[in-house]
Amino acid sequence: MELTRTLKPGFYAVELNKTVWIIPNYYQNLTPVGTGAYGTVCAAECRLTGEKVAIKKFSRPFQSAIHAKRTHRELKLLRSMNHENIIDMLDVFTPDINAASLQDVYFVSMLMGADLSSILKIQRLSDDHIQFLVYQILRGLKYIHSAGLIHRDLKPSNIAVNEDCELK
């Protein structure tokens, strides 16, 4: 089992929903958020900053050359993005000791309250809310399009929203 893996100093292992997470000691109180095509996400508290964060564990990032390229591309793009409606990269880490043993990659961003899909399931939005959300979506799209990028998977479940109706 993966829990018996030799841990890098300063890291600990925890199992959540049959997935082993090996993360730095300063990320605590992990709770599952969801699973997507490319990974699993947990909420955590960063003891260094006191902030709530989202940690994404990429699913088999080095299973094949295609997976490795996809992981590299996503991390490279997110690192270069700097816009209030684009998800921010606070941290990226691996618990693996060297490149030869590289198996896992984790990406850390600000924790948003929910995704747009879950909000739409529980409440009807006012015209003003819809207008504000569409405005922010278009701002984010304009930013990534100006960088020559296309999102390719834009859907309500991939749009994070906080309690102030701000989205990424």
Protein backbone atom coordinates (compact mmCIF):
# COMPACT_ATOMS: atom_id res chain seq x y z
CA MET A 1 0.00 0.00 0.00
CA GLU A 2 1.13 3.53 -0.73
CA LEU A 3 0.94 4.51 2.96
CA THR A 4 4.12 2.45 3.49
CA ARG A 5 6.09 4.54 0.96
CA THR A 6 9.20 6.24 2.31
CA LEU A 7 8.20 9.81 3.07
CA LYS A 8 10.22 12.88 2.22
CA PRO A 9 11.14 14.85 5.37
CA GLY A 10 8.42 17.34 6.28
CA PHE A 11 5.64 15.30 4.62
CA TYR A 12 2.92 13.03 6.01
CA ALA A 13 0.48 10.57 4.47
CA VAL A 14 -3.28 10.44 4.90
CA GLU A 15 -5.90 8.34 3.13
CA LEU A 16 -9.12 9.99 1.96
CA ASN A 17 -11.76 8.20 -0.11
CA LYS A 18 -9.33 5.39 -0.98
CA THR A 19 -6.73 7.88 -2.24
CA VAL A 20 -3.44 8.36 -0.39
CA TRP A 21 -2.31 11.96 -0.09
CA ILE A 22 1.33 12.66 0.80
CA ILE A 23 1.57 16.33 1.60
CA PRO A 24 3.73 18.85 3.47
CA ASN A 25 3.12 19.01 7.22
CA TYR A 26 1.85 22.59 6.96
CA TYR A 27 -1.28 21.47 5.09
CA GLN A 28 -3.71 20.09 7.66
CA ASN A 29 -7.36 19.07 8.09
CA LEU A 30 -7.88 17.63 4.61
CA THR A 31 -11.47 17.08 3.51
CA PRO A 32 -12.56 15.69 0.12
CA VAL A 33 -14.04 18.17 -2.36
CA GLY A 34 -14.39 16.23 -5.59
CA THR A 35 -12.93 14.19 -8.39
CA GLY A 36 -12.53 15.08 -12.04
CA ALA A 37 -11.01 13.62 -15.17
CA TYR A 38 -7.48 14.71 -14.28
CA GLY A 39 -7.38 14.51 -10.52
CA THR A 40 -8.89 14.63 -7.07
CA VAL A 41 -9.33 17.76 -4.96
CA CYS A 42 -9.29 18.25 -1.19
CA ALA A 43 -9.77 21.31 0.95
CA ALA A 44 -7.09 21.97 3.57
CA GLU A 45 -5.82 24.61 5.94
CA CYS A 46 -2.37 26.06 5.34
CA ARG A 47 -0.72 26.43 8.75
CA LEU A 48 1.83 28.87 7.31
CA THR A 49 -0.76 31.42 6.20
CA GLY A 50 -3.97 30.37 7.97
CA GLU A 51 -5.74 30.30 4.59
CA LYS A 52 -8.10 27.64 3.34
CA VAL A 53 -6.69 26.08 0.19
CA ALA A 54 -7.66 23.56 -2.45
CA ILE A 55 -5.12 20.83 -3.19
CA LYS A 56 -5.40 18.93 -6.45
CA LYS A 57 -3.66 15.57 -6.76
CA PHE A 58 -3.13 14.81 -10.43
CA SER A 59 -4.31 11.34 -11.48
CA ARG A 60 -1.37 9.29 -12.73
CA PRO A 61 0.49 12.33 -14.10
CA PHE A 62 3.36 10.24 -15.48
CA GLN A 63 1.48 7.14 -16.60
CA SER A 64 2.36 7.94 -20.21
CA ALA A 65 4.07 10.61 -22.26
CA ILE A 66 0.63 12.10 -23.01
CA HIS A 67 -0.25 12.33 -19.29
CA ALA A 68 3.16 13.85 -18.50
CA LYS A 69 2.77 16.48 -21.24
CA ARG A 70 -0.77 17.30 -20.07
CA THR A 71 0.39 17.73 -16.45
CA HIS A 72 3.37 19.86 -17.50
CA ARG A 73 1.20 22.01 -19.78
CA GLU A 74 -1.43 22.64 -17.09
CA LEU A 75 1.14 23.60 -14.47
CA LYS A 76 3.10 25.79 -16.90
CA LEU A 77 -0.04 27.61 -18.04
CA LEU A 78 -1.37 28.17 -14.53
CA ARG A 79 2.01 29.46 -13.36
CA SER A 80 2.02 32.05 -16.14
CA MET A 81 -1.59 33.22 -15.63
CA ASN A 82 -2.21 36.28 -13.49
CA HIS A 83 -5.82 37.43 -13.57
CA GLU A 84 -8.48 37.79 -10.89
CA ASN A 85 -10.85 35.45 -12.78
CA ILE A 86 -8.28 32.72 -13.41
CA ILE A 87 -7.43 30.17 -10.72
CA ASP A 88 -4.20 31.06 -8.93
CA MET A 89 -1.31 28.71 -8.26
CA LEU A 90 -0.18 29.16 -4.66
CA ASP A 91 2.06 26.11 -4.53
CA VAL A 92 3.04 23.02 -6.48
CA PHE A 93 4.88 20.13 -4.88
CA THR A 94 5.79 16.47 -5.06
CA PRO A 95 6.48 14.17 -2.13
CA ASP A 96 8.91 12.21 -4.28
CA ILE A 97 12.59 12.46 -3.45
CA ASN A 98 14.02 12.66 -6.98
CA ALA A 99 13.05 12.62 -10.66
CA ALA A 100 13.64 8.87 -10.94
CA SER A 101 10.95 8.16 -8.32
CA LEU A 102 8.54 10.87 -9.49
CA GLN A 103 4.94 9.60 -9.23
CA ASP A 104 2.78 12.32 -7.72
CA VAL A 105 2.26 16.02 -8.36
CA TYR A 106 0.02 18.30 -6.30
CA PHE A 107 -1.25 21.78 -7.18
CA VAL A 108 -2.46 24.23 -4.51
CA SER A 109 -4.83 27.15 -5.10
CA MET A 110 -7.15 29.35 -3.08
CA LEU A 111 -10.23 27.49 -1.89
CA MET A 112 -13.40 28.87 -3.41
CA GLY A 113 -16.75 28.20 -1.75
CA ALA A 114 -18.38 26.08 -4.45
CA ASP A 115 -18.60 25.48 -8.16
CA LEU A 116 -21.22 27.10 -10.36
CA SER A 117 -22.92 23.78 -11.08
CA SER A 118 -23.64 23.09 -7.41
CA ILE A 119 -24.96 26.63 -6.91
CA LEU A 120 -27.31 26.34 -9.90
CA LYS A 121 -28.71 23.09 -8.46
CA ILE A 122 -29.73 24.66 -5.16
CA GLN A 123 -30.84 28.18 -6.03
CA ARG A 124 -32.21 30.30 -8.81
CA LEU A 125 -29.95 33.22 -9.65
CA SER A 126 -31.24 36.76 -10.06
CA ASP A 127 -30.67 38.58 -13.33
CA ASP A 128 -28.06 40.76 -11.59
CA HIS A 129 -26.15 37.68 -10.35
CA ILE A 130 -26.26 36.11 -13.81
CA GLN A 131 -25.01 39.32 -15.40
CA PHE A 132 -22.14 39.60 -12.89
CA LEU A 133 -21.14 35.94 -13.34
CA VAL A 134 -21.22 36.12 -17.16
CA TYR A 135 -19.17 39.33 -17.03
CA GLN A 136 -16.48 37.58 -14.95
CA ILE A 137 -16.49 34.48 -17.18
CA LEU A 138 -16.01 36.69 -20.24
CA ARG A 139 -13.17 38.61 -18.54
CA GLY A 140 -11.38 35.34 -17.75
CA LEU A 141 -11.93 34.04 -21.29
CA LYS A 142 -10.68 37.29 -22.81
CA TYR A 143 -7.52 37.00 -20.72
CA ILE A 144 -6.74 33.41 -21.73
CA HIS A 145 -7.67 34.08 -25.36
CA SER A 146 -5.31 37.08 -25.40
CA ALA A 147 -2.57 34.60 -24.45
CA GLY A 148 -3.52 32.46 -27.46
CA LEU A 149 -5.18 29.77 -25.34
CA ILE A 150 -8.54 28.02 -25.58
CA HIS A 151 -10.11 26.52 -22.43
CA ARG A 152 -11.67 23.41 -24.08
CA ASP A 153 -13.59 22.31 -20.96
CA LEU A 154 -15.60 25.33 -19.86
CA LYS A 155 -18.66 24.17 -17.92
CA PRO A 156 -20.38 25.17 -14.66
CA SER A 157 -18.62 22.46 -12.62
CA ASN A 158 -15.24 23.92 -13.69
CA ILE A 159 -16.08 27.44 -12.54
CA ALA A 160 -15.27 28.12 -8.89
CA VAL A 161 -17.37 30.71 -7.04
CA ASN A 162 -16.89 32.21 -3.59
CA GLU A 163 -19.42 33.67 -1.16
CA ASP A 164 -19.00 37.15 -2.70
CA CYS A 165 -20.08 35.80 -6.11
CA GLU A 166 -16.53 36.17 -7.43
CA LEU A 167 -15.47 33.42 -9.78
CA LYS A 168 -12.38 31.81 -11.22
